[in-house]
Amino acid sequence: MYMPKGWIKTRFEEKNFHLNIKDLKNKHLGIDDSFSGYIRIFGTNSQNIHDDYYFLIENGRIIAAEKVEIERKIRTIRDDVFNEMDNLYKECEIRVVRLDKSQLDISKEINEDCLLENRVVFRSELNREELLKKINADHINVERLLYKFERRNEQIENI
């Protein structure tokens, strides 16, 4: 998913994190009925496969979902993400990012293929590329994330 930078509300790293909806809700991420933004989870499983999840949230409700298996280049969207979500990650990073109303509207338009329900058609006079520039979209920088995890592993091994 393409997402605006927004304002990071919460960011933390977890070891041996079991990812499913129930555990995610119990994490106390500070999401209530007034929260609009997204959750991004980037994790490394036991086979050293990296998964990148995005959950777009409007008024405390998940409205869009995407999972990308980085090495396999497999993209899963909508309700299928929740079917594949029961995983154990040896390390992961979780970010909760707040978006304002205009950023949320643009995110819904750009990521229309990931919307779960209430497919309201949001149209702008700008095309997709112009919208991405306007919101300063946070593209998945896979190389940077992989480098970060590899460096951390090297530091752990050197201890």
Protein backbone atom coordinates (compact mmCIF):
# COMPACT_ATOMS: atom_id res chain seq x y z
CA MET A 1 0.00 0.00 0.00
CA TYR A 2 1.07 3.55 -0.59
CA MET A 3 0.65 5.63 2.54
CA PRO A 4 1.36 9.22 3.49
CA LYS A 5 4.00 9.85 6.15
CA GLY A 6 1.43 10.97 8.72
CA TRP A 7 2.33 11.32 12.41
CA ILE A 8 3.81 8.33 14.22
CA LYS A 9 1.70 7.73 17.31
CA THR A 10 3.38 4.52 18.49
CA ARG A 11 6.44 2.61 17.36
CA PHE A 12 7.95 -0.43 19.00
CA GLU A 13 9.85 -3.61 18.26
CA GLU A 14 8.89 -7.06 19.42
CA LYS A 15 10.69 -10.38 19.63
CA ASN A 16 8.78 -13.67 19.21
CA PHE A 17 5.57 -11.83 18.36
CA HIS A 18 2.53 -13.94 17.51
CA LEU A 19 0.55 -11.93 14.97
CA ASN A 20 -3.21 -12.41 14.89
CA ILE A 21 -6.14 -10.05 15.29
CA LYS A 22 -6.77 -10.98 18.94
CA ASP A 23 -3.16 -10.36 20.01
CA LEU A 24 -2.98 -7.19 17.94
CA LYS A 25 -6.07 -5.79 19.70
CA ASN A 26 -4.55 -6.68 23.09
CA LYS A 27 -1.37 -4.69 22.33
CA HIS A 28 -2.97 -1.43 23.53
CA LEU A 29 -1.92 0.47 20.43
CA GLY A 30 -3.93 3.53 21.39
CA ILE A 31 -6.57 2.98 18.72
CA ASP A 32 -10.06 4.06 19.69
CA ASP A 33 -13.26 4.94 17.80
CA SER A 34 -11.85 8.34 16.80
CA PHE A 35 -8.54 7.04 15.40
CA SER A 36 -7.87 7.26 11.66
CA GLY A 37 -4.54 6.18 10.22
CA TYR A 38 -2.73 2.94 9.62
CA ILE A 39 -0.76 0.16 11.29
CA ARG A 40 2.37 -1.12 9.58
CA ILE A 41 3.95 -4.36 10.74
CA PHE A 42 7.25 -5.49 9.26
CA GLY A 43 8.37 -8.88 10.55
CA THR A 44 10.88 -11.68 10.06
CA ASN A 45 9.56 -15.21 10.54
CA SER A 46 11.50 -18.35 11.52
CA GLN A 47 12.40 -19.10 7.87
CA ASN A 48 13.93 -15.58 7.56
CA ILE A 49 11.09 -14.52 5.27
CA HIS A 50 10.08 -10.87 5.63
CA ASP A 51 6.41 -9.90 5.66
CA ASP A 52 5.08 -6.36 5.44
CA TYR A 53 1.50 -5.69 6.61
CA TYR A 54 -0.56 -2.53 6.25
CA PHE A 55 -3.96 -1.98 7.87
CA LEU A 56 -5.76 1.25 6.97
CA ILE A 57 -8.07 2.36 9.78
CA GLU A 58 -10.96 4.82 9.76
CA ASN A 59 -12.76 5.72 12.99
CA GLY A 60 -11.19 2.76 14.81
CA ARG A 61 -12.22 0.23 12.14
CA ILE A 62 -9.95 -1.57 9.68
CA ILE A 63 -11.12 -0.63 6.18
CA ALA A 64 -8.24 -1.93 4.04
CA ALA A 65 -5.53 -4.56 4.38
CA GLU A 66 -2.44 -5.71 2.52
CA LYS A 67 0.35 -8.23 3.15
CA VAL A 68 3.50 -8.49 1.05
CA GLU A 69 5.85 -11.45 1.35
CA ILE A 70 9.03 -9.65 0.32
CA GLU A 71 11.30 -12.47 -0.88
CA ARG A 72 8.51 -14.38 -2.61
CA LYS A 73 7.02 -11.19 -4.08
CA ILE A 74 3.52 -12.30 -3.14
CA ARG A 75 0.90 -9.63 -2.43
CA THR A 76 -2.28 -10.50 -0.54
CA ILE A 77 -5.12 -8.00 -0.14
CA ARG A 78 -8.49 -7.53 1.54
CA ASP A 79 -9.98 -10.34 3.65
CA ASP A 80 -7.36 -12.86 2.50
CA VAL A 81 -4.81 -11.03 4.69
CA PHE A 82 -6.70 -12.06 7.83
CA ASN A 83 -6.75 -15.71 6.69
CA GLU A 84 -2.93 -15.71 6.43
CA MET A 85 -2.30 -13.63 9.52
CA ASP A 86 -1.69 -16.27 12.20
CA ASN A 87 2.14 -16.17 12.19
CA LEU A 88 5.00 -16.11 14.67
CA TYR A 89 7.69 -13.52 13.96
CA LYS A 90 11.09 -13.79 15.62
CA GLU A 91 11.35 -10.02 15.31
CA CYS A 92 9.02 -7.35 14.07
CA GLU A 93 8.46 -3.62 14.09
CA ILE A 94 5.00 -2.18 14.64
CA ARG A 95 4.08 1.41 13.77
CA VAL A 96 0.79 3.15 14.40
CA VAL A 97 0.52 6.28 12.26
CA ARG A 98 -2.20 8.92 12.50
CA LEU A 99 -3.58 10.52 9.32
CA ASP A 100 -5.75 13.59 8.91
CA LYS A 101 -9.00 13.50 6.92
CA SER A 102 -7.49 14.54 3.57
CA GLN A 103 -4.61 12.06 3.89
CA LEU A 104 -7.08 9.29 4.73
CA ASP A 105 -9.27 10.13 1.72
CA ILE A 106 -6.28 10.09 -0.60
CA SER A 107 -5.08 6.79 0.91
CA LYS A 108 -8.46 5.20 0.24
CA GLU A 109 -8.39 6.37 -3.36
CA ILE A 110 -4.82 5.23 -4.05
CA ASN A 111 -5.31 1.86 -2.33
CA GLU A 112 -8.82 1.22 -3.60
CA ASP A 113 -7.95 -2.39 -4.50
CA CYS A 114 -7.26 -3.14 -0.80
CA LEU A 115 -10.55 -1.80 0.64
CA LEU A 116 -12.53 -4.36 2.64
CA GLU A 117 -16.03 -2.89 2.49
CA ASN A 118 -18.02 0.27 1.89
CA ARG A 119 -16.34 0.85 -1.42
CA VAL A 120 -17.14 4.49 -1.72
CA VAL A 121 -15.64 5.79 -4.91
CA PHE A 122 -13.22 8.58 -4.06
CA ARG A 123 -12.10 10.49 -7.09
CA SER A 124 -9.72 13.38 -7.32
CA GLU A 125 -8.85 15.64 -10.22
CA LEU A 126 -5.23 14.48 -9.81
CA ASN A 127 -3.93 11.23 -11.27
CA ARG A 128 -2.28 8.52 -9.15
CA GLU A 129 1.29 9.84 -9.58
CA GLU A 130 0.27 13.37 -8.65
CA LEU A 131 -1.56 12.08 -5.58
CA LEU A 132 1.52 10.11 -4.48
CA LYS A 133 3.66 13.23 -4.80
CA LYS A 134 1.07 15.33 -2.96
CA ILE A 135 1.00 13.08 0.10
CA ASN A 136 4.74 12.33 0.01
CA ALA A 137 3.95 8.61 -0.03
CA ASP A 138 6.01 6.23 2.07
CA HIS A 139 7.10 3.64 -0.49
CA ILE A 140 8.21 0.27 0.80
CA ASN A 141 11.98 0.59 1.00
CA VAL A 142 12.68 -3.11 1.28
CA GLU A 143 16.45 -2.82 0.95
CA ARG A 144 16.63 -0.39 3.87
CA LEU A 145 14.45 -2.57 6.10
CA LEU A 146 16.38 -5.74 5.25
CA TYR A 147 19.67 -3.95 5.88
CA LYS A 148 18.40 -2.79 9.25
CA PHE A 149 17.44 -6.31 10.35
CA GLU A 150 20.68 -7.82 9.02
CA ARG A 151 22.76 -5.23 10.91
CA ARG A 152 20.84 -5.96 14.10
CA ASN A 153 21.45 -9.69 13.67
CA GLU A 154 25.18 -9.06 13.14
CA GLN A 155 25.33 -6.95 16.28
CA ILE A 156 23.60 -9.68 18.27
CA GLU A 157 25.98 -12.33 16.95
CA ASN A 158 29.02 -10.20 17.86
CA ILE A 159 27.92 -9.92 21.49
